[in-house]
Every structure is written in C-alpha cells, then in structure tokens.
C-alpha cells in the first residue's frame, strides 16, 4: 500500500469495520504518524474504538482525548466523552 495518509485512513476504517483490528491499528497508526495527521482527526476516534475492542482501555482513552481536542463539538465527541465517563466512573481508567 502506498505511504499516503488517505489510503491508510480509509483502509484503517474498513479494517476496523471488518473486525480486522490489527490491520486497522497498523493503518491508523501510520495516519497519526504522518505530518498531515491533523487532516484526519477521526483517526484518533477510530483508533480509540480499535483499542477499546482490544481491551486496551487506557490507550483507547488517550486516543479519545486526542480526538476531543480536535473535534470537541462533533456527535462522535459526545460518544467519546460518554465512554470516557463510563470508564472513569467504573474505575477502568484514571
């Protein structure tokens, strides 16, 4: 796959939707490591979803926080905030 953030972003979303979490994580990590990562704020949200599905809640929380910093007023932000609050109140994350 070419080293283009767009391609990795869409591949990461597709892989996540297909339940291919390792592939999704790899592609989204490439996107978030690129200089143009700020064009893909939802890559943080999707990475958070992937980490949550893998049971890595602290990593998921970190990605959700990154997403909230970039798109605080989106509908997905409300979902991320609600999930973070549930994890905190359950003592699953700090």
PDB file of N, CA and C in Angstrom:
ATOM      1  N   UNK A   1       0.850  -1.177   0.000  1.00  0.00           N
ATOM      2  CA  UNK A   1       0.000   0.000   0.000  1.00  0.00           C
ATOM      3  C   UNK A   1       0.894   1.238   0.000  1.00  0.00           C
ATOM      4  N   UNK A   2       0.543   2.239  -0.770  1.00  0.00           N
ATOM      5  CA  UNK A   2       1.364   3.448  -0.802  1.00  0.00           C
ATOM      6  C   UNK A   2       1.357   4.152   0.555  1.00  0.00           C
ATOM      7  N   UNK A   3       2.378   4.938   0.781  1.00  0.00           N
ATOM      8  CA  UNK A   3       2.506   5.644   2.060  1.00  0.00           C
ATOM      9  C   UNK A   3       1.704   6.943   2.061  1.00  0.00           C
ATOM     10  N   UNK A   4       0.483   6.893   1.605  1.00  0.00           N
ATOM     11  CA  UNK A   4      -0.396   8.058   1.591  1.00  0.00           C
ATOM     12  C   UNK A   4      -1.359   7.967   2.764  1.00  0.00           C
ATOM     13  N   UNK A   5      -1.473   9.046   3.488  1.00  0.00           N
ATOM     14  CA  UNK A   5      -2.330   9.051   4.669  1.00  0.00           C
ATOM     15  C   UNK A   5      -3.776   8.731   4.310  1.00  0.00           C
ATOM     16  N   UNK A   6      -4.267   9.249   3.187  1.00  0.00           N
ATOM     17  CA  UNK A   6      -5.650   8.992   2.791  1.00  0.00           C
ATOM     18  C   UNK A   6      -5.915   7.489   2.658  1.00  0.00           C
ATOM     19  N   UNK A   7      -5.031   6.813   1.962  1.00  0.00           N
ATOM     20  CA  UNK A   7      -5.208   5.375   1.735  1.00  0.00           C
ATOM     21  C   UNK A   7      -5.187   4.614   3.054  1.00  0.00           C
ATOM     22  N   UNK A   8      -4.267   4.964   3.925  1.00  0.00           N
ATOM     23  CA  UNK A   8      -4.184   4.286   5.218  1.00  0.00           C
ATOM     24  C   UNK A   8      -5.417   4.587   6.083  1.00  0.00           C
ATOM     25  N   UNK A   9      -5.893   5.810   6.010  1.00  0.00           N
ATOM     26  CA  UNK A   9      -7.075   6.190   6.778  1.00  0.00           C
ATOM     27  C   UNK A   9      -8.278   5.331   6.380  1.00  0.00           C
ATOM     28  N   UNK A  10      -8.548   5.284   5.093  1.00  0.00           N
ATOM     29  CA  UNK A  10      -9.709   4.508   4.631  1.00  0.00           C
ATOM     30  C   UNK A  10      -9.512   3.013   4.825  1.00  0.00           C
ATOM     31  N   UNK A  11      -8.285   2.558   4.691  1.00  0.00           N
ATOM     32  CA  UNK A  11      -8.010   1.150   4.957  1.00  0.00           C
ATOM     33  C   UNK A  11      -8.239   0.844   6.441  1.00  0.00           C
ATOM     34  N   UNK A  12      -7.808   1.742   7.302  1.00  0.00           N
ATOM     35  CA  UNK A  12      -7.999   1.550   8.739  1.00  0.00           C
ATOM     36  C   UNK A  12      -9.464   1.479   9.119  1.00  0.00           C
ATOM     37  N   UNK A  13     -10.271   2.349   8.537  1.00  0.00           N
ATOM     38  CA  UNK A  13     -11.709   2.333   8.813  1.00  0.00           C
ATOM     39  C   UNK A  13     -12.328   1.035   8.309  1.00  0.00           C
ATOM     40  N   UNK A  14     -11.981   0.660   7.087  1.00  0.00           N
ATOM     41  CA  UNK A  14     -12.530  -0.573   6.518  1.00  0.00           C
ATOM     42  C   UNK A  14     -12.130  -1.788   7.354  1.00  0.00           C
ATOM     43  N   UNK A  15     -10.870  -1.853   7.711  1.00  0.00           N
ATOM     44  CA  UNK A  15     -10.393  -2.987   8.505  1.00  0.00           C
ATOM     45  C   UNK A  15     -11.103  -3.046   9.858  1.00  0.00           C
ATOM     46  N   UNK A  16     -11.286  -1.894  10.485  1.00  0.00           N
ATOM     47  CA  UNK A  16     -11.985  -1.857  11.775  1.00  0.00           C
ATOM     48  C   UNK A  16     -13.421  -2.350  11.615  1.00  0.00           C
ATOM     49  N   UNK A  17     -14.080  -1.912  10.559  1.00  0.00           N
ATOM     50  CA  UNK A  17     -15.466  -2.332  10.325  1.00  0.00           C
ATOM     51  C   UNK A  17     -15.573  -3.822  10.034  1.00  0.00           C
ATOM     52  N   UNK A  18     -14.511  -4.399   9.523  1.00  0.00           N
ATOM     53  CA  UNK A  18     -14.490  -5.834   9.244  1.00  0.00           C
ATOM     54  C   UNK A  18     -13.990  -6.649  10.434  1.00  0.00           C
ATOM     55  N   UNK A  19     -13.637  -5.956  11.523  1.00  0.00           N
ATOM     56  CA  UNK A  19     -13.147  -6.651  12.709  1.00  0.00           C
ATOM     57  C   UNK A  19     -11.686  -7.041  12.633  1.00  0.00           C
ATOM     58  N   UNK A  20     -10.975  -6.527  11.648  1.00  0.00           N
ATOM     59  CA  UNK A  20      -9.543  -6.814  11.496  1.00  0.00           C
ATOM     60  C   UNK A  20      -8.766  -5.763  12.280  1.00  0.00           C
ATOM     61  N   UNK A  21      -8.744  -5.953  13.587  1.00  0.00           N
ATOM     62  CA  UNK A  21      -8.239  -4.916  14.484  1.00  0.00           C
ATOM     63  C   UNK A  21      -6.753  -4.651  14.347  1.00  0.00           C
ATOM     64  N   UNK A  22      -5.962  -5.670  14.109  1.00  0.00           N
ATOM     65  CA  UNK A  22      -4.515  -5.466  13.969  1.00  0.00           C
ATOM     66  C   UNK A  22      -4.237  -4.628  12.720  1.00  0.00           C
ATOM     67  N   UNK A  23      -4.879  -4.967  11.623  1.00  0.00           N
ATOM     68  CA  UNK A  23      -4.696  -4.198  10.385  1.00  0.00           C
ATOM     69  C   UNK A  23      -5.195  -2.770  10.554  1.00  0.00           C
ATOM     70  N   UNK A  24      -6.325  -2.621  11.225  1.00  0.00           N
ATOM     71  CA  UNK A  24      -6.870  -1.285  11.461  1.00  0.00           C
ATOM     72  C   UNK A  24      -5.899  -0.448  12.284  1.00  0.00           C
ATOM     73  N   UNK A  25      -5.398  -1.035  13.351  1.00  0.00           N
ATOM     74  CA  UNK A  25      -4.455  -0.312  14.216  1.00  0.00           C
ATOM     75  C   UNK A  25      -3.208   0.098  13.442  1.00  0.00           C
ATOM     76  N   UNK A  26      -2.677  -0.810  12.636  1.00  0.00           N
ATOM     77  CA  UNK A  26      -1.469  -0.503  11.858  1.00  0.00           C
ATOM     78  C   UNK A  26      -1.709   0.665  10.907  1.00  0.00           C
ATOM     79  N   UNK A  27      -2.810   0.636  10.172  1.00  0.00           N
ATOM     80  CA  UNK A  27      -3.091   1.704   9.211  1.00  0.00           C
ATOM     81  C   UNK A  27      -3.345   3.041   9.900  1.00  0.00           C
ATOM     82  N   UNK A  28      -4.122   3.010  10.972  1.00  0.00           N
ATOM     83  CA  UNK A  28      -4.415   4.254  11.675  1.00  0.00           C
ATOM     84  C   UNK A  28      -3.170   4.823  12.339  1.00  0.00           C
ATOM     85  N   UNK A  29      -2.284   3.964  12.784  1.00  0.00           N
ATOM     86  CA  UNK A  29      -1.025   4.425  13.373  1.00  0.00           C
ATOM     87  C   UNK A  29      -0.175   5.164  12.326  1.00  0.00           C
ATOM     88  N   UNK A  30      -0.189   4.647  11.098  1.00  0.00           N
ATOM     89  CA  UNK A  30       0.536   5.322  10.011  1.00  0.00           C
ATOM     90  C   UNK A  30      -0.038   6.721   9.800  1.00  0.00           C
ATOM     91  N   UNK A  31      -1.366   6.816   9.751  1.00  0.00           N
ATOM     92  CA  UNK A  31      -2.027   8.113   9.541  1.00  0.00           C
ATOM     93  C   UNK A  31      -1.628   9.088  10.635  1.00  0.00           C
ATOM     94  N   UNK A  32      -1.707   8.636  11.884  1.00  0.00           N
ATOM     95  CA  UNK A  32      -1.439   9.529  13.014  1.00  0.00           C
ATOM     96  C   UNK A  32       0.036   9.900  13.135  1.00  0.00           C
ATOM     97  N   UNK A  33       0.894   9.157  12.463  1.00  0.00           N
ATOM     98  CA  UNK A  33       2.317   9.464  12.477  1.00  0.00           C
ATOM     99  C   UNK A  33       2.766  10.347  11.326  1.00  0.00           C
ATOM    100  N   UNK A  34       1.847  10.672  10.431  1.00  0.00           N
ATOM    101  CA  UNK A  34       2.190  11.474   9.259  1.00  0.00           C
ATOM    102  C   UNK A  34       2.079  12.965   9.567  1.00  0.00           C
ATOM    103  N   UNK A  35       2.850  13.801   8.853  1.00  0.00           N
ATOM    104  CA  UNK A  35       2.761  15.246   9.073  1.00  0.00           C
ATOM    105  C   UNK A  35       1.363  15.815   8.837  1.00  0.00           C
ATOM    106  N   UNK A  36       0.605  15.198   7.951  1.00  0.00           N
ATOM    107  CA  UNK A  36      -0.741  15.690   7.647  1.00  0.00           C
ATOM    108  C   UNK A  36      -1.824  15.049   8.522  1.00  0.00           C
ATOM    109  N   UNK A  37      -1.445  14.480   9.649  1.00  0.00           N
ATOM    110  CA  UNK A  37      -2.388  13.791  10.538  1.00  0.00           C
ATOM    111  C   UNK A  37      -3.527  14.693  10.995  1.00  0.00           C
ATOM    112  N   UNK A  38      -3.288  15.987  11.094  1.00  0.00           N
ATOM    113  CA  UNK A  38      -4.342  16.898  11.544  1.00  0.00           C
ATOM    114  C   UNK A  38      -5.520  16.963  10.578  1.00  0.00           C
ATOM    115  N   UNK A  39      -5.339  16.467   9.366  1.00  0.00           N
ATOM    116  CA  UNK A  39      -6.442  16.392   8.405  1.00  0.00           C
ATOM    117  C   UNK A  39      -7.385  15.234   8.718  1.00  0.00           C
ATOM    118  N   UNK A  40      -6.986  14.355   9.628  1.00  0.00           N
ATOM    119  CA  UNK A  40      -7.739  13.137   9.923  1.00  0.00           C
ATOM    120  C   UNK A  40      -8.032  13.004  11.418  1.00  0.00           C
ATOM    121  N   UNK A  41      -8.757  13.959  12.003  1.00  0.00           N
ATOM    122  CA  UNK A  41      -9.000  13.875  13.441  1.00  0.00           C
ATOM    123  C   UNK A  41      -9.756  12.606  13.836  1.00  0.00           C
ATOM    124  N   UNK A  42     -10.593  12.106  12.949  1.00  0.00           N
ATOM    125  CA  UNK A  42     -11.348  10.899  13.291  1.00  0.00           C
ATOM    126  C   UNK A  42     -10.479   9.655  13.352  1.00  0.00           C
ATOM    127  N   UNK A  43      -9.261   9.759  12.882  1.00  0.00           N
ATOM    128  CA  UNK A  43      -8.338   8.627  13.032  1.00  0.00           C
ATOM    129  C   UNK A  43      -8.106   8.360  14.516  1.00  0.00           C
ATOM    130  N   UNK A  44      -8.109   9.415  15.329  1.00  0.00           N
ATOM    131  CA  UNK A  44      -7.986   9.233  16.785  1.00  0.00           C
ATOM    132  C   UNK A  44      -9.210   8.501  17.331  1.00  0.00           C
ATOM    133  N   UNK A  45     -10.386   8.908  16.889  1.00  0.00           N
ATOM    134  CA  UNK A  45     -11.614   8.275  17.348  1.00  0.00           C
ATOM    135  C   UNK A  45     -11.636   6.802  16.955  1.00  0.00           C
ATOM    136  N   UNK A  46     -11.297   6.520  15.704  1.00  0.00           N
ATOM    137  CA  UNK A  46     -11.281   5.134  15.237  1.00  0.00           C
ATOM    138  C   UNK A  46     -10.226   4.318  15.972  1.00  0.00           C
ATOM    139  N   UNK A  47      -9.068   4.914  16.218  1.00  0.00           N
ATOM    140  CA  UNK A  47      -8.036   4.214  16.990  1.00  0.00           C
ATOM    141  C   UNK A  47      -8.539   3.910  18.392  1.00  0.00           C
ATOM    142  N   UNK A  48      -9.252   4.862  18.979  1.00  0.00           N
ATOM    143  CA  UNK A  48      -9.841   4.628  20.288  1.00  0.00           C
ATOM    144  C   UNK A  48     -10.801   3.449  20.261  1.00  0.00           C
ATOM    145  N   UNK A  49     -11.612   3.382  19.218  1.00  0.00           N
ATOM    146  CA  UNK A  49     -12.547   2.257  19.081  1.00  0.00           C
ATOM    147  C   UNK A  49     -11.799   0.930  18.966  1.00  0.00           C
ATOM    148  N   UNK A  50     -10.741   0.927  18.178  1.00  0.00           N
ATOM    149  CA  UNK A  50      -9.952  -0.302  17.990  1.00  0.00           C
ATOM    150  C   UNK A  50      -9.341  -0.741  19.316  1.00  0.00           C
ATOM    151  N   UNK A  51      -8.708   0.202  20.018  1.00  0.00           N
ATOM    152  CA  UNK A  51      -8.105  -0.141  21.310  1.00  0.00           C
ATOM    153  C   UNK A  51      -9.161  -0.631  22.300  1.00  0.00           C
ATOM    154  N   UNK A  52     -10.330  -0.003  22.288  1.00  0.00           N
ATOM    155  CA  UNK A  52     -11.396  -0.432  23.200  1.00  0.00           C
ATOM    156  C   UNK A  52     -11.816  -1.867  22.892  1.00  0.00           C
ATOM    157  N   UNK A  53     -11.950  -2.186  21.615  1.00  0.00           N
ATOM    158  CA  UNK A  53     -12.329  -3.546  21.235  1.00  0.00           C
ATOM    159  C   UNK A  53     -11.266  -4.559  21.629  1.00  0.00           C
ATOM    160  N   UNK A  54     -10.019  -4.118  21.680  1.00  0.00           N
ATOM    161  CA  UNK A  54      -8.925  -4.998  22.083  1.00  0.00           C
ATOM    162  C   UNK A  54      -8.764  -5.042  23.601  1.00  0.00           C
ATOM    163  N   UNK A  55      -9.574  -4.271  24.327  1.00  0.00           N
ATOM    164  CA  UNK A  55      -9.491  -4.249  25.782  1.00  0.00           C
ATOM    165  C   UNK A  55      -8.383  -3.361  26.324  1.00  0.00           C
ATOM    166  N   UNK A  56      -7.789  -2.546  25.488  1.00  0.00           N
ATOM    167  CA  UNK A  56      -6.712  -1.639  25.888  1.00  0.00           C
ATOM    168  C   UNK A  56      -7.328  -0.265  26.185  1.00  0.00           C
ATOM    169  N   UNK A  57      -8.002  -0.191  27.318  1.00  0.00           N
ATOM    170  CA  UNK A  57      -8.817   0.985  27.614  1.00  0.00           C
ATOM    171  C   UNK A  57      -8.011   2.249  27.870  1.00  0.00           C
ATOM    172  N   UNK A  58      -6.842   2.141  28.467  1.00  0.00           N
ATOM    173  CA  UNK A  58      -6.036   3.345  28.691  1.00  0.00           C
ATOM    174  C   UNK A  58      -5.583   3.936  27.353  1.00  0.00           C
ATOM    175  N   UNK A  59      -5.186   3.073  26.417  1.00  0.00           N
ATOM    176  CA  UNK A  59      -4.816   3.546  25.075  1.00  0.00           C
ATOM    177  C   UNK A  59      -6.027   4.128  24.366  1.00  0.00           C
ATOM    178  N   UNK A  60      -7.180   3.473  24.510  1.00  0.00           N
ATOM    179  CA  UNK A  60      -8.410   3.975  23.902  1.00  0.00           C
ATOM    180  C   UNK A  60      -8.744   5.358  24.449  1.00  0.00           C
ATOM    181  N   UNK A  61      -8.616   5.519  25.755  1.00  0.00           N
ATOM    182  CA  UNK A  61      -8.915   6.799  26.389  1.00  0.00           C
ATOM    183  C   UNK A  61      -7.991   7.890  25.869  1.00  0.00           C
ATOM    184  N   UNK A  62      -6.738   7.567  25.689  1.00  0.00           N
ATOM    185  CA  UNK A  62      -5.775   8.543  25.168  1.00  0.00           C
ATOM    186  C   UNK A  62      -6.161   8.994  23.759  1.00  0.00           C
ATOM    187  N   UNK A  63      -6.573   8.045  22.933  1.00  0.00           N
ATOM    188  CA  UNK A  63      -6.979   8.394  21.569  1.00  0.00           C
ATOM    189  C   UNK A  63      -8.266   9.215  21.572  1.00  0.00           C
ATOM    190  N   UNK A  64      -9.218   8.850  22.428  1.00  0.00           N
ATOM    191  CA  UNK A  64     -10.451   9.636  22.520  1.00  0.00           C
ATOM    192  C   UNK A  64     -10.150  11.065  22.971  1.00  0.00           C
ATOM    193  N   UNK A  65      -9.222  11.208  23.925  1.00  0.00           N
ATOM    194  CA  UNK A  65      -8.845  12.555  24.375  1.00  0.00           C
ATOM    195  C   UNK A  65      -8.242  13.362  23.223  1.00  0.00           C
ATOM    196  N   UNK A  66      -7.395  12.707  22.443  1.00  0.00           N
ATOM    197  CA  UNK A  66      -6.822  13.379  21.271  1.00  0.00           C
ATOM    198  C   UNK A  66      -7.888  13.820  20.306  1.00  0.00           C
ATOM    199  N   UNK A  67      -8.880  12.975  20.121  1.00  0.00           N
ATOM    200  CA  UNK A  67      -9.981  13.326  19.228  1.00  0.00           C
ATOM    201  C   UNK A  67     -10.776  14.503  19.785  1.00  0.00           C
ATOM    202  N   UNK A  68     -11.062  14.479  21.074  1.00  0.00           N
ATOM    203  CA  UNK A  68     -11.839  15.554  21.689  1.00  0.00           C
ATOM    204  C   UNK A  68     -11.148  16.905  21.574  1.00  0.00           C
ATOM    205  N   UNK A  69      -9.831  16.897  21.587  1.00  0.00           N
ATOM    206  CA  UNK A  69      -9.089  18.150  21.424  1.00  0.00           C
ATOM    207  C   UNK A  69      -9.262  18.727  20.023  1.00  0.00           C
ATOM    208  N   UNK A  70      -9.430  17.852  19.034  1.00  0.00           N
ATOM    209  CA  UNK A  70      -9.504  18.290  17.638  1.00  0.00           C
ATOM    210  C   UNK A  70     -10.924  18.553  17.143  1.00  0.00           C
ATOM    211  N   UNK A  71     -11.903  17.797  17.629  1.00  0.00           N
ATOM    212  CA  UNK A  71     -13.296  17.953  17.189  1.00  0.00           C
ATOM    213  C   UNK A  71     -14.239  17.895  18.392  1.00  0.00           C
ATOM    214  N   UNK A  72     -14.153  18.884  19.271  1.00  0.00           N
ATOM    215  CA  UNK A  72     -14.918  18.818  20.517  1.00  0.00           C
ATOM    216  C   UNK A  72     -16.437  18.930  20.362  1.00  0.00           C
ATOM    217  N   UNK A  73     -16.914  19.418  19.242  1.00  0.00           N
ATOM    218  CA  UNK A  73     -18.343  19.660  19.084  1.00  0.00           C
ATOM    219  C   UNK A  73     -19.050  18.671  18.162  1.00  0.00           C
ATOM    220  N   UNK A  74     -18.380  17.620  17.765  1.00  0.00           N
ATOM    221  CA  UNK A  74     -18.995  16.651  16.856  1.00  0.00           C
ATOM    222  C   UNK A  74     -19.861  15.647  17.615  1.00  0.00           C
ATOM    223  N   UNK A  75     -20.705  14.933  16.883  1.00  0.00           N
ATOM    224  CA  UNK A  75     -21.516  13.889  17.519  1.00  0.00           C
ATOM    225  C   UNK A  75     -20.633  12.779  18.063  1.00  0.00           C
ATOM    226  N   UNK A  76     -19.565  12.458  17.342  1.00  0.00           N
ATOM    227  CA  UNK A  76     -18.645  11.424  17.810  1.00  0.00           C
ATOM    228  C   UNK A  76     -17.962  11.862  19.103  1.00  0.00           C
ATOM    229  N   UNK A  77     -17.751  13.167  19.265  1.00  0.00           N
ATOM    230  CA  UNK A  77     -17.140  13.669  20.506  1.00  0.00           C
ATOM    231  C   UNK A  77     -18.041  13.370  21.694  1.00  0.00           C
ATOM    232  N   UNK A  78     -19.335  13.513  21.506  1.00  0.00           N
ATOM    233  CA  UNK A  78     -20.269  13.207  22.588  1.00  0.00           C
ATOM    234  C   UNK A  78     -20.188  11.726  22.965  1.00  0.00           C
ATOM    235  N   UNK A  79     -20.040  10.872  21.962  1.00  0.00           N
ATOM    236  CA  UNK A  79     -19.904   9.433  22.211  1.00  0.00           C
ATOM    237  C   UNK A  79     -18.611   9.162  22.978  1.00  0.00           C
ATOM    238  N   UNK A  80     -17.519   9.786  22.549  1.00  0.00           N
ATOM    239  CA  UNK A  80     -16.227   9.597  23.205  1.00  0.00           C
ATOM    240  C   UNK A  80     -16.282  10.078  24.658  1.00  0.00           C
ATOM    241  N   UNK A  81     -16.872  11.243  24.876  1.00  0.00           N
ATOM    242  CA  UNK A  81     -16.980  11.770  26.242  1.00  0.00           C
ATOM    243  C   UNK A  81     -17.796  10.843  27.133  1.00  0.00           C
ATOM    244  N   UNK A  82     -18.899  10.331  26.602  1.00  0.00           N
ATOM    245  CA  UNK A  82     -19.742   9.425  27.386  1.00  0.00           C
ATOM    246  C   UNK A  82     -18.987   8.141  27.742  1.00  0.00           C
ATOM    247  N   UNK A  83     -18.249   7.619  26.768  1.00  0.00           N
ATOM    248  CA  UNK A  83     -17.491   6.395  27.022  1.00  0.00           C
ATOM    249  C   UNK A  83     -16.408   6.635  28.063  1.00  0.00           C
ATOM    250  N   UNK A  84     -15.698   7.748  27.939  1.00  0.00           N
ATOM    251  CA  UNK A  84     -14.656   8.077  28.917  1.00  0.00           C
ATOM    252  C   UNK A  84     -15.245   8.188  30.317  1.00  0.00           C
ATOM    253  N   UNK A  85     -16.387   8.837  30.435  1.00  0.00           N
ATOM    254  CA  UNK A  85     -17.023   8.998  31.739  1.00  0.00           C
ATOM    255  C   UNK A  85     -17.431   7.646  32.322  1.00  0.00           C
ATOM    256  N   UNK A  86     -17.946   6.756  31.477  1.00  0.00           N
ATOM    257  CA  UNK A  86     -18.325   5.416  31.961  1.00  0.00           C
ATOM    258  C   UNK A  86     -17.101   4.665  32.471  1.00  0.00           C
ATOM    259  N   UNK A  87     -16.023   4.713  31.719  1.00  0.00           N
ATOM    260  CA  UNK A  87     -14.808   4.012  32.139  1.00  0.00           C
ATOM    261  C   UNK A  87     -14.262   4.589  33.438  1.00  0.00           C
ATOM    262  N   UNK A  88     -14.268   5.929  33.550  1.00  0.00           N
ATOM    263  CA  UNK A  88     -13.770   6.571  34.768  1.00  0.00           C
ATOM    264  C   UNK A  88     -14.629   6.204  35.972  1.00  0.00           C
ATOM    265  N   UNK A  89     -15.939   6.301  35.808  1.00  0.00           N
ATOM    266  CA  UNK A  89     -16.820   6.015  36.941  1.00  0.00           C
ATOM    267  C   UNK A  89     -16.785   4.540  37.347  1.00  0.00           C
ATOM    268  N   UNK A  90     -16.411   3.687  36.410  1.00  0.00           N
ATOM    269  CA  UNK A  90     -16.276   2.244  36.707  1.00  0.00           C
ATOM    270  C   UNK A  90     -14.890   1.901  37.225  1.00  0.00           C
ATOM    271  N   UNK A  91     -13.998   2.888  37.256  1.00  0.00           N
ATOM    272  CA  UNK A  91     -12.641   2.661  37.736  1.00  0.00           C
ATOM    273  C   UNK A  91     -11.758   1.914  36.734  1.00  0.00           C
ATOM    274  N   UNK A  92     -12.167   1.880  35.477  1.00  0.00           N
ATOM    275  CA  UNK A  92     -11.397   1.163  34.466  1.00  0.00           C
ATOM    276  C   UNK A  92     -10.226   1.974  33.916  1.00  0.00           C
ATOM    277  N   UNK A  93     -10.328   3.298  34.015  1.00  0.00           N
ATOM    278  CA  UNK A  93      -9.225   4.192  33.617  1.00  0.00           C
ATOM    279  C   UNK A  93      -9.081   5.272  34.689  1.00  0.00           C
ATOM    280  N   UNK A  94      -7.944   5.937  34.652  1.00  0.00           N
ATOM    281  CA  UNK A  94      -7.696   7.041  35.592  1.00  0.00           C
ATOM    282  C   UNK A  94      -8.217   8.324  35.012  1.00  0.00           C
TER     283      UNK A  94
END
